[in-house]
């Protein structure tokens, strides 16, 4: 019985839609975590992104999972010690961002 491949294409498109939905959710989680890092560390959004990447690399935990742990920490106050230590180290290296209109420290 010949098929036109239509059902296979539908299945492929459904998989692609699911992957796109997951990507949107993942992006939102990472953006929220960057916001927390920005507020916590008084760093720029670019520095916040760099901090998340650094924590992910130093802990060997996927960036999205690090972001999720940071969001859980914001809700519960609980964070694995490994993540906390890596986050503190990365924020120390990033240092606080200069606030607009504030003269640089001498």
C-alpha atoms as a PDB file:
ATOM      1  CA  UNK A   1       0.000   0.000   0.000  1.00  0.00           C
ATOM      2  CA  UNK A   2       1.782   3.202  -1.161  1.00  0.00           C
ATOM      3  CA  UNK A   3       1.859   6.207   1.131  1.00  0.00           C
ATOM      4  CA  UNK A   4       2.374   9.814   0.244  1.00  0.00           C
ATOM      5  CA  UNK A   5       4.504  10.514   3.332  1.00  0.00           C
ATOM      6  CA  UNK A   6       1.848  12.897   4.634  1.00  0.00           C
ATOM      7  CA  UNK A   7       1.538  11.249   8.049  1.00  0.00           C
ATOM      8  CA  UNK A   8       5.310  11.154   8.454  1.00  0.00           C
ATOM      9  CA  UNK A   9       5.509  14.855   7.627  1.00  0.00           C
ATOM     10  CA  UNK A  10       2.749  15.615  10.150  1.00  0.00           C
ATOM     11  CA  UNK A  11       4.685  13.714  12.812  1.00  0.00           C
ATOM     12  CA  UNK A  12       7.885  15.640  11.954  1.00  0.00           C
ATOM     13  CA  UNK A  13       6.038  18.955  12.183  1.00  0.00           C
ATOM     14  CA  UNK A  14       4.508  17.995  15.536  1.00  0.00           C
ATOM     15  CA  UNK A  15       7.986  17.172  16.861  1.00  0.00           C
ATOM     16  CA  UNK A  16       9.315  20.481  15.577  1.00  0.00           C
ATOM     17  CA  UNK A  17       6.463  22.386  17.235  1.00  0.00           C
ATOM     18  CA  UNK A  18       7.189  20.636  20.538  1.00  0.00           C
ATOM     19  CA  UNK A  19      10.890  21.521  20.282  1.00  0.00           C
ATOM     20  CA  UNK A  20      10.035  25.162  19.573  1.00  0.00           C
ATOM     21  CA  UNK A  21       7.690  25.277  22.575  1.00  0.00           C
ATOM     22  CA  UNK A  22      10.448  23.883  24.782  1.00  0.00           C
ATOM     23  CA  UNK A  23      12.911  26.437  23.399  1.00  0.00           C
ATOM     24  CA  UNK A  24      10.540  29.313  24.213  1.00  0.00           C
ATOM     25  CA  UNK A  25      10.101  28.073  27.789  1.00  0.00           C
ATOM     26  CA  UNK A  26      13.846  27.534  28.164  1.00  0.00           C
ATOM     27  CA  UNK A  27      14.558  31.043  26.874  1.00  0.00           C
ATOM     28  CA  UNK A  28      12.108  32.517  29.395  1.00  0.00           C
ATOM     29  CA  UNK A  29      13.718  30.594  32.272  1.00  0.00           C
ATOM     30  CA  UNK A  30      17.192  31.767  31.278  1.00  0.00           C
ATOM     31  CA  UNK A  31      16.021  35.383  30.865  1.00  0.00           C
ATOM     32  CA  UNK A  32      14.413  35.344  34.326  1.00  0.00           C
ATOM     33  CA  UNK A  33      17.575  33.911  35.878  1.00  0.00           C
ATOM     34  CA  UNK A  34      19.662  36.586  34.156  1.00  0.00           C
ATOM     35  CA  UNK A  35      17.337  39.167  35.700  1.00  0.00           C
ATOM     36  CA  UNK A  36      17.941  37.707  39.147  1.00  0.00           C
ATOM     37  CA  UNK A  37      21.700  37.688  38.616  1.00  0.00           C
ATOM     38  CA  UNK A  38      21.567  41.289  37.380  1.00  0.00           C
ATOM     39  CA  UNK A  39      19.633  42.386  40.493  1.00  0.00           C
ATOM     40  CA  UNK A  40      21.682  40.287  42.906  1.00  0.00           C
ATOM     41  CA  UNK A  41      25.099  41.151  41.551  1.00  0.00           C
ATOM     42  CA  UNK A  42      24.372  44.664  40.307  1.00  0.00           C
ATOM     43  CA  UNK A  43      25.815  43.683  36.938  1.00  0.00           C
ATOM     44  CA  UNK A  44      24.703  44.408  33.394  1.00  0.00           C
ATOM     45  CA  UNK A  45      22.504  41.927  31.502  1.00  0.00           C
ATOM     46  CA  UNK A  46      25.515  40.941  29.373  1.00  0.00           C
ATOM     47  CA  UNK A  47      27.506  40.272  32.524  1.00  0.00           C
ATOM     48  CA  UNK A  48      24.538  38.340  33.941  1.00  0.00           C
ATOM     49  CA  UNK A  49      24.557  36.109  30.857  1.00  0.00           C
ATOM     50  CA  UNK A  50      28.320  35.620  31.209  1.00  0.00           C
ATOM     51  CA  UNK A  51      27.898  34.723  34.899  1.00  0.00           C
ATOM     52  CA  UNK A  52      25.272  32.082  34.063  1.00  0.00           C
ATOM     53  CA  UNK A  53      27.522  30.600  31.371  1.00  0.00           C
ATOM     54  CA  UNK A  54      30.483  30.554  33.740  1.00  0.00           C
ATOM     55  CA  UNK A  55      28.493  28.830  36.500  1.00  0.00           C
ATOM     56  CA  UNK A  56      27.250  26.277  33.979  1.00  0.00           C
ATOM     57  CA  UNK A  57      30.765  25.575  32.717  1.00  0.00           C
ATOM     58  CA  UNK A  58      32.374  25.377  36.162  1.00  0.00           C
ATOM     59  CA  UNK A  59      29.708  23.062  37.565  1.00  0.00           C
ATOM     60  CA  UNK A  60      29.235  21.025  34.372  1.00  0.00           C
ATOM     61  CA  UNK A  61      25.477  21.579  34.641  1.00  0.00           C
ATOM     62  CA  UNK A  62      23.443  22.626  31.616  1.00  0.00           C
ATOM     63  CA  UNK A  63      22.807  26.363  31.519  1.00  0.00           C
ATOM     64  CA  UNK A  64      19.037  25.916  31.552  1.00  0.00           C
ATOM     65  CA  UNK A  65      19.298  23.744  34.670  1.00  0.00           C
ATOM     66  CA  UNK A  66      21.485  26.344  36.392  1.00  0.00           C
ATOM     67  CA  UNK A  67      18.876  28.965  35.491  1.00  0.00           C
ATOM     68  CA  UNK A  68      16.093  26.781  36.924  1.00  0.00           C
ATOM     69  CA  UNK A  69      18.060  26.313  40.162  1.00  0.00           C
ATOM     70  CA  UNK A  70      18.509  30.075  40.463  1.00  0.00           C
ATOM     71  CA  UNK A  71      14.764  30.595  40.016  1.00  0.00           C
ATOM     72  CA  UNK A  72      14.005  27.941  42.642  1.00  0.00           C
ATOM     73  CA  UNK A  73      16.435  29.713  44.952  1.00  0.00           C
ATOM     74  CA  UNK A  74      14.519  32.956  44.400  1.00  0.00           C
ATOM     75  CA  UNK A  75      11.288  31.247  45.479  1.00  0.00           C
ATOM     76  CA  UNK A  76      12.571  29.023  48.291  1.00  0.00           C
ATOM     77  CA  UNK A  77      15.914  30.431  49.389  1.00  0.00           C
ATOM     78  CA  UNK A  78      17.480  27.025  48.745  1.00  0.00           C
ATOM     79  CA  UNK A  79      20.340  26.438  46.327  1.00  0.00           C
ATOM     80  CA  UNK A  80      22.830  23.575  46.030  1.00  0.00           C
ATOM     81  CA  UNK A  81      26.146  24.588  47.617  1.00  0.00           C
ATOM     82  CA  UNK A  82      28.056  23.851  44.392  1.00  0.00           C
ATOM     83  CA  UNK A  83      25.887  26.325  42.457  1.00  0.00           C
ATOM     84  CA  UNK A  84      25.992  28.925  45.229  1.00  0.00           C
ATOM     85  CA  UNK A  85      29.793  28.828  45.404  1.00  0.00           C
ATOM     86  CA  UNK A  86      30.194  29.024  41.617  1.00  0.00           C
ATOM     87  CA  UNK A  87      27.662  31.869  41.428  1.00  0.00           C
ATOM     88  CA  UNK A  88      29.413  33.844  44.168  1.00  0.00           C
ATOM     89  CA  UNK A  89      32.806  33.340  42.489  1.00  0.00           C
ATOM     90  CA  UNK A  90      31.467  34.377  39.069  1.00  0.00           C
ATOM     91  CA  UNK A  91      29.782  37.457  40.528  1.00  0.00           C
ATOM     92  CA  UNK A  92      32.981  38.407  42.357  1.00  0.00           C
ATOM     93  CA  UNK A  93      34.843  38.254  39.052  1.00  0.00           C
ATOM     94  CA  UNK A  94      32.137  40.214  37.208  1.00  0.00           C
ATOM     95  CA  UNK A  95      31.986  42.919  39.882  1.00  0.00           C
ATOM     96  CA  UNK A  96      29.178  45.436  40.157  1.00  0.00           C
ATOM     97  CA  UNK A  97      28.264  47.348  37.032  1.00  0.00           C
ATOM     98  CA  UNK A  98      28.607  51.096  36.996  1.00  0.00           C
ATOM     99  CA  UNK A  99      25.246  52.774  37.527  1.00  0.00           C
ATOM    100  CA  UNK A 100      24.370  55.348  34.872  1.00  0.00           C
ATOM    101  CA  UNK A 101      25.288  58.869  35.956  1.00  0.00           C
ATOM    102  CA  UNK A 102      27.590  57.644  38.738  1.00  0.00           C
ATOM    103  CA  UNK A 103      31.201  58.789  38.499  1.00  0.00           C
ATOM    104  CA  UNK A 104      33.753  55.966  38.370  1.00  0.00           C
ATOM    105  CA  UNK A 105      35.441  55.107  41.660  1.00  0.00           C
ATOM    106  CA  UNK A 106      38.982  56.381  42.051  1.00  0.00           C
END
